[in-house]
Amino acid sequence: MIPLMNLRRLTYFTLLVLSGILLTLPACVKDEAVAPIDIELERTLIRLSEDGSLDSYKLPDGSLLEAIPAGVGNPITAEKVRLGQMLFFETGLARDALQESMIGTYSCSSCHVPEAAFTPGSAQGIADGAEGFGTFGSGRQIADSYEEDQIDAQGARPLSMLGVAYVTNSMWAGRFGAYGDNAEVEEVWGVHDPTTEVNHLGLDGLEAQNIEGTIAHRLNVDEYVLDTLGYRFYFDAAFGDWAPNARYGREAMSFALSAYIRTLLPSEAPWQKWLKGEREAMTTTEKEGALLFFGKAGCYRCHNGPALNGNTFHSLGVNDLYDVGGLRTGLDDTRNLGRGDFTRRPEDYYKFKVPQVYNTKDMPFYFHGSSHTSLESVLDYFNAGIPENERVPESQISDFFHPLNLTESELSDLKAFMAHGLYDPDLNRYVPEQVLSGNCFPNNDPISQTEIGCQ
């Protein structure tokens, strides 16, 4: 039998030990109730995820370079990102403009404006051959000195740069990249579209696209850029192990741009904070909208992965850029065929790549043809499930595009999630304070200088 005094000491010691254990137990034992909607949303996501966890939807911070998907042969380094960031906004790269007056007046960011979710601020992106900026790029217009067939304008609205680290085949038709869906159609690389010959280099979509993109958009690195502006030092730092004859070439320029673009991740959106444990980062309405996104509305079927984009192609029967007055395009523009313009397979006609959906409330235009101008209009279009483009055969319309029968209240909740839950408020953290030329950016023509206020 234990003496009474020893029993008291043992009891006291036991209480001390138990108190220490309780103080060090994880937060799960605290009296903190988890809202039923959070439980339901988490269970829904886990059920739909590829790995049975929330990790499938989480974006790394754009500064955690080792956590960001890199392109084949293009590891992401701080030196490449620093160089790529400056090149992206550097109007001094506009060396190959058709007219001398336009040299040094535009940049990659002319058509990928941060305040417009890295999309054009106007219906159509125009680099060389346009002037003006307006509000977040909305005032970009063809210059009087250029004919329509001289401008650098594409037949579809440029996609957002957000989250493209998770894209295998880039552009609306998925033309670029040697992997993913393009591995199945190697026989058409360079055949119908000579620019896609670059896929034979065995690169991912972004790196391949930017090699050809710098040519198409009349951007170049020459002795002026390297020595007068001072970029040689930064190329040496980023590509010091490359041979001198390649270190300053178009592939190096593409790799630096691609490394930077891969860091453009909307990781500060409330949705991302919720996924990482901040359950109060979203409102109840936004959470209801998320349940619709990953449930009744069926958005997740196409918009998936951390960036909520997709490497699949679908036809929604929307109008083309030609229909809204786009320049340098027309009714017979083969780019209106989407994926089919690249593969020339009838089953791919009118299908376009699934875009990402972060910061959509900042986008002034939507879809490849800029045929809608508000998030409400987009959601109404999906809810009605009725194609607007009579030229698109019914047989090509995606099986996922049909009436959703969402109520007005549900549409409001879904909009709240997309407009606010998926909104990163600080994309300007990806913008440099200045570029080496000291020029205005994203545009440097006289009208833009006045409108931007950086003369």
Protein backbone atom coordinates (compact mmCIF):
# COMPACT_ATOMS: atom_id res chain seq x y z
CA MET A 1 0.00 0.00 0.00
CA ILE A 2 1.27 3.52 -0.90
CA PRO A 3 1.56 5.81 2.12
CA LEU A 4 -0.90 8.73 2.16
CA MET A 5 1.85 11.34 1.89
CA ASN A 6 3.40 9.59 -1.11
CA LEU A 7 -0.03 9.24 -2.69
CA ARG A 8 -0.58 12.96 -2.39
CA ARG A 9 2.81 13.65 -3.94
CA LEU A 10 2.05 11.21 -6.75
CA THR A 11 -1.31 12.85 -7.39
CA TYR A 12 0.25 16.30 -7.42
CA PHE A 13 2.98 15.13 -9.80
CA THR A 14 0.38 13.50 -12.05
CA LEU A 15 -1.60 16.75 -12.22
CA LEU A 16 1.53 18.67 -13.16
CA VAL A 17 2.31 16.24 -15.94
CA LEU A 18 -1.24 16.29 -17.25
CA SER A 19 -1.27 20.09 -17.16
CA GLY A 20 1.91 20.17 -19.21
CA ILE A 21 0.42 17.78 -21.74
CA LEU A 22 -2.74 19.85 -22.05
CA LEU A 23 -0.74 23.01 -22.58
CA THR A 24 1.21 21.44 -25.40
CA LEU A 25 -1.64 19.69 -27.19
CA PRO A 26 -2.32 20.91 -30.78
CA ALA A 27 -4.98 23.50 -31.49
CA CYS A 28 -7.50 20.81 -32.39
CA VAL A 29 -8.39 20.36 -28.71
CA LYS A 30 -9.24 24.02 -28.26
CA ASP A 31 -12.85 24.96 -27.98
CA GLU A 32 -13.05 26.30 -31.53
CA ALA A 33 -16.09 25.26 -33.53
CA VAL A 34 -15.56 24.61 -37.22
CA ALA A 35 -18.40 25.98 -39.32
CA PRO A 36 -20.44 23.29 -41.08
CA ILE A 37 -19.93 25.00 -44.44
CA ASP A 38 -16.14 24.77 -44.01
CA ILE A 39 -16.45 21.06 -43.26
CA GLU A 40 -18.67 20.51 -46.30
CA LEU A 41 -16.39 22.49 -48.59
CA GLU A 42 -13.28 20.69 -47.37
CA ARG A 43 -14.90 17.27 -47.82
CA THR A 44 -16.03 18.20 -51.32
CA LEU A 45 -12.55 19.29 -52.34
CA ILE A 46 -10.88 16.21 -50.90
CA ARG A 47 -13.35 13.99 -52.74
CA LEU A 48 -12.59 15.73 -56.04
CA SER A 49 -8.83 16.11 -55.57
CA GLU A 50 -6.21 14.01 -57.28
CA ASP A 51 -4.30 13.20 -54.10
CA GLY A 52 -7.09 13.08 -51.52
CA SER A 53 -6.05 16.35 -49.89
CA LEU A 54 -6.37 20.11 -50.26
CA ASP A 55 -2.83 20.32 -51.64
CA SER A 56 -4.16 19.82 -55.17
CA TYR A 57 -5.60 23.34 -55.05
CA LYS A 58 -2.82 25.24 -53.27
CA LEU A 59 -0.55 27.67 -55.07
CA PRO A 60 2.97 28.31 -53.82
CA ASP A 61 4.01 31.85 -53.10
CA GLY A 62 5.55 33.43 -56.18
CA SER A 63 8.80 33.97 -54.28
CA LEU A 64 9.25 30.27 -53.45
CA LEU A 65 10.97 29.46 -56.72
CA GLU A 66 11.73 25.84 -55.87
CA ALA A 67 8.02 25.13 -55.40
CA ILE A 68 6.92 26.54 -58.79
CA PRO A 69 6.65 24.17 -61.79
CA ALA A 70 9.60 24.88 -64.09
CA GLY A 71 9.88 24.28 -67.81
CA VAL A 72 11.94 21.44 -69.22
CA GLY A 73 15.58 22.60 -69.34
CA ASN A 74 14.69 25.93 -67.72
CA PRO A 75 15.13 25.74 -63.94
CA ILE A 76 13.77 28.85 -62.24
CA THR A 77 16.49 30.98 -60.63
CA ALA A 78 16.37 34.36 -58.99
CA GLU A 79 18.69 35.74 -61.68
CA LYS A 80 16.41 34.60 -64.50
CA VAL A 81 13.32 35.95 -62.76
CA ARG A 82 14.97 39.32 -62.16
CA LEU A 83 16.01 39.57 -65.79
CA GLY A 84 12.66 38.29 -67.08
CA GLN A 85 10.72 40.77 -64.97
CA MET A 86 12.59 43.71 -66.47
CA LEU A 87 12.39 42.34 -70.01
CA PHE A 88 8.63 41.82 -69.68
CA PHE A 89 8.08 45.53 -69.00
CA GLU A 90 11.01 46.90 -71.01
CA THR A 91 9.82 49.00 -73.95
CA GLY A 92 13.45 49.20 -75.01
CA LEU A 93 13.09 45.68 -76.45
CA ALA A 94 10.78 47.04 -79.17
CA ARG A 95 13.66 47.12 -81.64
CA ASP A 96 11.96 45.53 -84.64
CA ALA A 97 8.96 47.83 -84.99
CA LEU A 98 7.88 48.29 -88.61
CA GLN A 99 8.13 52.06 -88.36
CA GLU A 100 10.98 53.96 -86.74
CA SER A 101 8.57 56.11 -84.73
CA MET A 102 7.37 53.01 -82.88
CA ILE A 103 10.78 51.70 -81.85
CA GLY A 104 10.96 51.58 -78.06
CA THR A 105 7.25 52.23 -77.50
CA TYR A 106 5.71 48.87 -76.47
CA SER A 107 6.47 45.81 -74.37
CA CYS A 108 5.08 42.40 -73.40
CA SER A 109 3.01 44.20 -70.79
CA SER A 110 1.28 46.29 -73.47
CA CYS A 111 -1.01 43.28 -73.94
CA HIS A 112 -0.66 41.79 -70.45
CA VAL A 113 -1.54 44.59 -68.06
CA PRO A 114 -1.28 43.66 -64.34
CA GLU A 115 -4.32 45.77 -63.41
CA ALA A 116 -6.35 43.82 -65.98
CA ALA A 117 -5.24 40.45 -64.57
CA PHE A 118 -2.33 40.39 -67.03
CA THR A 119 -4.69 40.59 -70.03
CA PRO A 120 -5.22 43.52 -72.43
CA GLY A 121 -7.17 46.44 -71.10
CA SER A 122 -8.95 46.69 -74.45
CA ALA A 123 -10.84 44.12 -76.50
CA GLN A 124 -7.78 43.29 -78.60
CA GLY A 125 -4.13 43.29 -77.71
CA ILE A 126 -2.02 45.45 -80.03
CA ALA A 127 1.70 45.99 -79.49
CA ASP A 128 3.52 47.47 -82.51
CA GLY A 129 1.23 49.76 -84.47
CA ALA A 130 -0.82 51.11 -81.56
CA GLU A 131 -0.54 54.01 -79.16
CA GLY A 132 -2.17 55.28 -76.02
CA PHE A 133 -2.96 53.59 -72.74
CA GLY A 134 -6.03 55.11 -71.08
CA THR A 135 -7.14 53.41 -67.88
CA PHE A 136 -5.31 50.11 -67.41
CA GLY A 137 -4.78 49.80 -71.16
CA SER A 138 -8.35 50.53 -72.22
CA GLY A 139 -7.24 53.38 -74.48
CA ARG A 140 -4.94 51.41 -76.76
CA GLN A 141 -5.75 52.29 -80.39
CA ILE A 142 -4.23 51.71 -83.83
CA ALA A 143 -1.79 54.48 -84.76
CA ASP A 144 -2.71 56.73 -87.66
CA SER A 145 0.57 55.94 -89.44
CA TYR A 146 -0.14 52.18 -89.60
CA GLU A 147 -2.36 50.28 -91.98
CA GLU A 148 -4.46 47.51 -90.44
CA ASP A 149 -2.41 44.74 -92.04
CA GLN A 150 0.78 46.18 -90.49
CA ILE A 151 -0.15 46.07 -86.82
CA ASP A 152 0.93 43.34 -84.42
CA ALA A 153 -2.46 42.02 -83.40
CA GLN A 154 -3.66 38.48 -82.85
CA GLY A 155 -6.90 36.91 -84.02
CA ALA A 156 -7.96 36.13 -80.45
CA ARG A 157 -7.78 38.00 -77.18
CA PRO A 158 -4.50 37.28 -75.31
CA LEU A 159 -4.89 34.96 -72.33
CA SER A 160 -4.04 35.95 -68.77
CA MET A 161 -0.49 35.22 -67.63
CA LEU A 162 -1.67 34.19 -64.16
CA GLY A 163 -1.03 30.57 -63.30
CA VAL A 164 0.54 29.60 -66.62
CA ALA A 165 3.19 27.64 -64.73
CA TYR A 166 0.51 24.93 -64.68
CA VAL A 167 -0.20 25.08 -68.43
CA THR A 168 1.27 22.37 -70.65
CA ASN A 169 0.30 23.69 -74.10
CA SER A 170 -0.02 27.44 -74.38
CA MET A 171 -2.30 29.80 -76.30
CA TRP A 172 -5.99 29.29 -77.07
CA ALA A 173 -5.20 26.54 -79.59
CA GLY A 174 -2.51 24.96 -77.42
CA ARG A 175 -0.08 25.32 -80.31
CA PHE A 176 3.12 25.37 -78.33
CA GLY A 177 4.85 22.75 -76.25
CA ALA A 178 6.18 19.29 -77.05
CA TYR A 179 4.26 17.52 -74.29
CA GLY A 180 0.71 17.07 -73.08
CA ASP A 181 -1.85 16.94 -75.87
CA ASN A 182 0.72 18.04 -78.45
CA ALA A 183 2.72 14.84 -78.04
CA GLU A 184 -0.18 13.10 -79.80
CA VAL A 185 -0.04 15.36 -82.87
CA GLU A 186 3.68 15.65 -83.57
CA GLU A 187 2.97 15.08 -87.25
CA VAL A 188 1.45 18.57 -87.55
CA TRP A 189 4.23 20.51 -85.80
CA GLY A 190 5.35 23.18 -88.24
CA VAL A 191 3.05 21.96 -91.03
CA HIS A 192 0.01 24.25 -91.00
CA ASP A 193 1.62 26.85 -88.73
CA PRO A 194 5.38 27.28 -89.39
CA THR A 195 5.88 28.86 -85.96
CA THR A 196 5.07 25.53 -84.28
CA GLU A 197 8.24 24.04 -85.73
CA VAL A 198 9.72 25.27 -82.44
CA ASN A 199 8.01 22.35 -80.68
CA HIS A 200 10.73 20.09 -82.04
CA LEU A 201 13.09 21.68 -79.51
CA GLY A 202 11.34 19.59 -76.87
CA LEU A 203 10.29 22.51 -74.67
CA ASP A 204 7.21 23.18 -72.60
CA GLY A 205 4.52 25.45 -74.00
CA LEU A 206 5.57 28.70 -72.35
CA GLU A 207 9.24 28.48 -73.29
CA ALA A 208 8.44 27.45 -76.87
CA GLN A 209 5.80 30.16 -77.25
CA ASN A 210 8.08 32.92 -76.02
CA ILE A 211 10.76 32.05 -78.56
CA GLU A 212 8.28 32.59 -81.37
CA GLY A 213 6.38 35.27 -79.48
CA THR A 214 9.33 37.62 -79.31
CA ILE A 215 9.59 37.35 -83.09
CA ALA A 216 5.86 37.84 -83.69
CA HIS A 217 5.75 40.83 -81.34
CA ARG A 218 8.85 42.41 -82.88
CA LEU A 219 10.97 42.34 -79.73
CA ASN A 220 14.71 41.79 -79.85
CA VAL A 221 17.91 41.93 -77.85
CA ASP A 222 20.77 43.62 -79.70
CA GLU A 223 23.93 45.51 -78.80
CA TYR A 224 21.85 48.56 -77.90
CA VAL A 225 19.81 46.60 -75.37
CA LEU A 226 22.86 44.77 -74.01
CA ASP A 227 25.33 47.61 -73.73
CA THR A 228 23.56 50.97 -74.04
CA LEU A 229 20.71 49.93 -71.75
CA GLY A 230 22.94 47.66 -69.67
CA TYR A 231 21.28 44.24 -69.87
CA ARG A 232 24.47 42.31 -70.69
CA PHE A 233 25.32 42.08 -66.98
CA TYR A 234 21.92 40.52 -66.20
CA PHE A 235 22.14 38.01 -69.05
CA ASP A 236 25.60 37.02 -67.85
CA ALA A 237 24.26 36.53 -64.32
CA ALA A 238 21.32 34.43 -65.51
CA PHE A 239 23.05 32.41 -68.22
CA GLY A 240 26.69 32.44 -67.25
CA ASP A 241 27.02 28.74 -68.04
CA TRP A 242 25.73 29.21 -71.61
CA ALA A 243 28.06 29.61 -74.56
CA PRO A 244 28.60 33.30 -75.48
CA ASN A 245 26.93 32.87 -78.87
CA ALA A 246 23.73 31.65 -77.16
CA ARG A 247 23.75 33.63 -73.93
CA TYR A 248 22.08 36.71 -75.42
CA GLY A 249 19.95 35.00 -78.05
CA ARG A 250 16.23 34.52 -78.43
CA GLU A 251 16.15 31.28 -76.47
CA ALA A 252 17.83 32.90 -73.47
CA MET A 253 15.39 35.82 -73.71
CA SER A 254 12.49 33.35 -73.77
CA PHE A 255 13.82 31.37 -70.83
CA ALA A 256 14.17 34.52 -68.70
CA LEU A 257 10.70 35.75 -69.62
CA SER A 258 9.23 32.29 -68.97
CA ALA A 259 10.92 31.98 -65.57
CA TYR A 260 9.41 35.32 -64.53
CA ILE A 261 5.96 34.56 -65.94
CA ARG A 262 5.89 31.27 -64.03
CA THR A 263 6.08 33.25 -60.78
CA LEU A 264 2.85 35.14 -61.56
CA LEU A 265 0.71 33.27 -59.06
CA PRO A 266 -2.40 34.74 -57.37
CA SER A 267 -1.40 33.19 -54.05
CA GLU A 268 -2.78 36.05 -51.94
CA ALA A 269 -6.40 35.40 -52.96
CA PRO A 270 -8.78 34.65 -50.04
CA TRP A 271 -9.43 31.22 -51.54
CA GLN A 272 -5.75 30.36 -51.26
CA LYS A 273 -5.66 31.62 -47.68
CA TRP A 274 -8.72 29.49 -46.85
CA LEU A 275 -7.05 26.43 -48.35
CA LYS A 276 -4.01 27.06 -46.15
CA GLY A 277 -6.05 27.18 -42.97
CA GLU A 278 -7.40 30.73 -42.64
CA ARG A 279 -11.07 29.77 -42.50
CA GLU A 280 -12.18 33.39 -42.00
CA ALA A 281 -10.44 34.57 -45.17
CA MET A 282 -13.68 34.09 -47.13
CA THR A 283 -17.21 35.15 -46.29
CA THR A 284 -20.03 32.64 -45.95
CA THR A 285 -21.43 33.85 -49.27
CA GLU A 286 -18.09 33.24 -50.98
CA LYS A 287 -17.94 29.76 -49.46
CA GLU A 288 -21.44 29.04 -50.76
CA GLY A 289 -20.21 30.15 -54.17
CA ALA A 290 -17.22 27.83 -53.88
CA LEU A 291 -19.55 24.91 -53.16
CA LEU A 292 -21.43 25.79 -56.35
CA PHE A 293 -18.18 26.08 -58.32
CA PHE A 294 -17.14 22.62 -57.17
CA GLY A 295 -20.67 21.25 -57.26
CA LYS A 296 -23.91 22.15 -59.00
CA ALA A 297 -22.41 24.69 -61.42
CA GLY A 298 -19.80 22.15 -62.53
CA CYS A 299 -17.04 24.74 -63.10
CA TYR A 300 -14.45 22.36 -61.63
CA ARG A 301 -14.86 19.96 -64.54
CA CYS A 302 -12.81 22.29 -66.71
CA HIS A 303 -11.23 24.72 -64.24
CA ASN A 304 -9.08 22.57 -62.02
CA GLY A 305 -5.67 22.31 -60.42
CA PRO A 306 -4.03 25.01 -58.29
CA ALA A 307 -4.48 27.70 -60.96
CA LEU A 308 -8.09 26.68 -61.75
CA ASN A 309 -7.23 26.59 -65.44
CA GLY A 310 -7.05 23.50 -67.56
CA ASN A 311 -5.09 21.70 -70.22
CA THR A 312 -8.23 20.72 -72.11
CA PHE A 313 -10.11 22.30 -74.99
CA HIS A 314 -13.84 22.97 -75.27
CA SER A 315 -16.26 24.74 -77.56
CA LEU A 316 -18.71 27.08 -75.87
CA GLY A 317 -20.07 28.56 -79.08
CA VAL A 318 -19.01 32.12 -78.25
CA ASN A 319 -18.47 34.78 -80.89
CA ASP A 320 -15.09 35.48 -82.42
CA LEU A 321 -12.99 38.64 -82.22
CA TYR A 322 -14.14 39.45 -85.74
CA ASP A 323 -17.71 39.75 -84.46
CA VAL A 324 -16.81 42.53 -82.04
CA GLY A 325 -14.78 44.56 -84.53
CA GLY A 326 -11.34 43.07 -84.06
CA LEU A 327 -8.59 44.27 -86.39
CA ARG A 328 -6.49 42.10 -88.69
CA THR A 329 -8.97 39.25 -88.48
CA GLY A 330 -12.10 38.27 -90.33
CA LEU A 331 -14.85 35.80 -90.94
CA ASP A 332 -12.48 33.36 -92.69
CA ASP A 333 -9.63 33.69 -90.18
CA THR A 334 -8.58 30.08 -89.51
CA ARG A 335 -7.70 31.06 -85.96
CA ASN A 336 -11.46 31.06 -85.34
CA LEU A 337 -11.16 27.26 -85.49
CA GLY A 338 -9.28 27.21 -82.21
CA ARG A 339 -7.50 23.94 -81.54
CA GLY A 340 -8.61 22.72 -84.94
CA ASP A 341 -6.53 25.39 -86.67
CA PHE A 342 -3.44 23.73 -85.24
CA THR A 343 -4.33 20.03 -85.51
CA ARG A 344 -6.68 20.27 -88.53
CA ARG A 345 -8.67 17.48 -86.97
CA PRO A 346 -12.41 18.04 -87.47
CA GLU A 347 -13.15 16.95 -83.92
CA ASP A 348 -10.99 19.86 -82.64
CA TYR A 349 -12.70 22.61 -84.62
CA TYR A 350 -13.97 25.59 -82.58
CA LYS A 351 -12.46 24.26 -79.35
CA PHE A 352 -10.37 26.63 -77.24
CA LYS A 353 -8.16 26.13 -74.23
CA VAL A 354 -9.69 26.45 -70.77
CA PRO A 355 -8.42 29.74 -69.22
CA GLN A 356 -7.67 30.45 -65.57
CA VAL A 357 -10.30 32.28 -63.49
CA TYR A 358 -8.41 34.25 -60.83
CA ASN A 359 -8.89 38.06 -60.76
CA THR A 360 -11.63 37.86 -63.36
CA LYS A 361 -13.34 40.91 -61.89
CA ASP A 362 -10.41 42.96 -63.23
CA MET A 363 -10.85 41.63 -66.76
CA PRO A 364 -12.68 44.10 -69.01
CA PHE A 365 -13.36 41.41 -71.65
CA TYR A 366 -13.92 37.66 -71.62
CA PHE A 367 -13.56 34.63 -73.91
CA HIS A 368 -11.26 34.35 -76.91
CA GLY A 369 -13.37 36.80 -78.90
CA SER A 370 -13.92 39.43 -76.17
CA SER A 371 -17.63 38.89 -76.70
CA HIS A 372 -18.60 39.55 -73.06
CA THR A 373 -17.68 42.50 -70.90
CA SER A 374 -18.68 41.56 -67.35
CA LEU A 375 -18.46 38.60 -65.01
CA GLU A 376 -22.25 38.70 -64.62
CA SER A 377 -22.66 38.33 -68.38
CA VAL A 378 -20.28 35.36 -68.41
CA LEU A 379 -22.13 33.58 -65.61
CA ASP A 380 -25.48 34.28 -67.26
CA TYR A 381 -24.14 32.81 -70.50
CA PHE A 382 -23.05 29.61 -68.78
CA ASN A 383 -26.29 29.40 -66.84
CA ALA A 384 -28.42 29.71 -69.98
CA GLY A 385 -26.25 27.21 -71.87
CA ILE A 386 -27.24 28.56 -75.29
CA PRO A 387 -24.44 29.12 -77.88
CA GLU A 388 -24.30 32.62 -79.37
CA ASN A 389 -22.21 31.85 -82.47
CA GLU A 390 -24.36 30.33 -85.22
CA ARG A 391 -21.25 29.33 -87.18
CA VAL A 392 -20.31 26.73 -84.57
CA PRO A 393 -22.03 23.38 -85.27
CA GLU A 394 -24.03 21.95 -82.38
CA SER A 395 -22.01 18.75 -82.65
CA GLN A 396 -18.89 20.63 -81.56
CA ILE A 397 -20.38 22.17 -78.43
CA SER A 398 -18.88 20.80 -75.21
CA ASP A 399 -20.96 18.30 -73.26
CA PHE A 400 -20.32 20.47 -70.22
CA PHE A 401 -22.05 23.47 -71.81
CA HIS A 402 -25.76 23.18 -71.07
CA PRO A 403 -28.34 25.01 -68.94
CA LEU A 404 -27.24 24.98 -65.30
CA ASN A 405 -30.56 26.10 -63.83
CA LEU A 406 -28.90 28.18 -61.12
CA THR A 407 -31.19 30.53 -59.22
CA GLU A 408 -30.50 34.24 -58.96
CA SER A 409 -29.31 33.70 -55.40
CA GLU A 410 -26.94 30.94 -56.52
CA LEU A 411 -25.61 33.08 -59.35
CA SER A 412 -24.96 35.84 -56.82
CA ASP A 413 -23.06 33.45 -54.54
CA LEU A 414 -21.03 32.06 -57.42
CA LYS A 415 -20.15 35.57 -58.55
CA ALA A 416 -19.05 36.45 -55.00
CA PHE A 417 -16.65 33.52 -54.95
CA MET A 418 -15.21 34.29 -58.37
CA ALA A 419 -15.05 38.06 -57.97
CA HIS A 420 -13.75 38.19 -54.40
CA GLY A 421 -12.72 34.73 -53.22
CA LEU A 422 -10.49 34.29 -56.27
CA TYR A 423 -9.15 37.83 -56.20
CA ASP A 424 -5.51 38.56 -55.41
CA PRO A 425 -5.42 42.27 -54.49
CA ASP A 426 -1.68 42.80 -54.94
CA LEU A 427 -0.53 41.74 -58.39
CA ASN A 428 1.62 44.87 -58.49
CA ARG A 429 4.14 42.99 -56.35
CA TYR A 430 5.21 41.40 -59.64
CA VAL A 431 5.90 44.78 -61.30
CA PRO A 432 9.39 46.36 -61.19
CA GLU A 433 9.81 49.91 -59.97
CA GLN A 434 11.69 50.75 -63.16
CA VAL A 435 13.44 49.21 -66.15
CA LEU A 436 17.00 49.88 -67.27
CA SER A 437 15.98 52.15 -70.15
CA GLY A 438 14.13 54.44 -67.75
CA ASN A 439 11.26 54.42 -70.26
CA CYS A 440 7.59 54.52 -69.38
CA PHE A 441 5.96 51.12 -69.30
CA PRO A 442 3.94 49.25 -70.36
CA ASN A 443 3.91 51.72 -73.29
CA ASN A 444 6.27 54.54 -74.15
CA ASP A 445 4.68 56.36 -77.08
CA PRO A 446 3.99 60.09 -76.52
CA ILE A 447 0.26 59.62 -75.93
CA SER A 448 0.88 56.84 -73.39
CA GLN A 449 3.53 58.91 -71.65
CA THR A 450 0.97 61.65 -71.06
CA GLU A 451 -1.79 59.26 -70.00
CA ILE A 452 0.46 57.25 -67.69
CA GLY A 453 2.02 60.43 -66.33
CA CYS A 454 5.66 59.39 -66.54
CA GLN A 455 7.19 61.83 -69.02
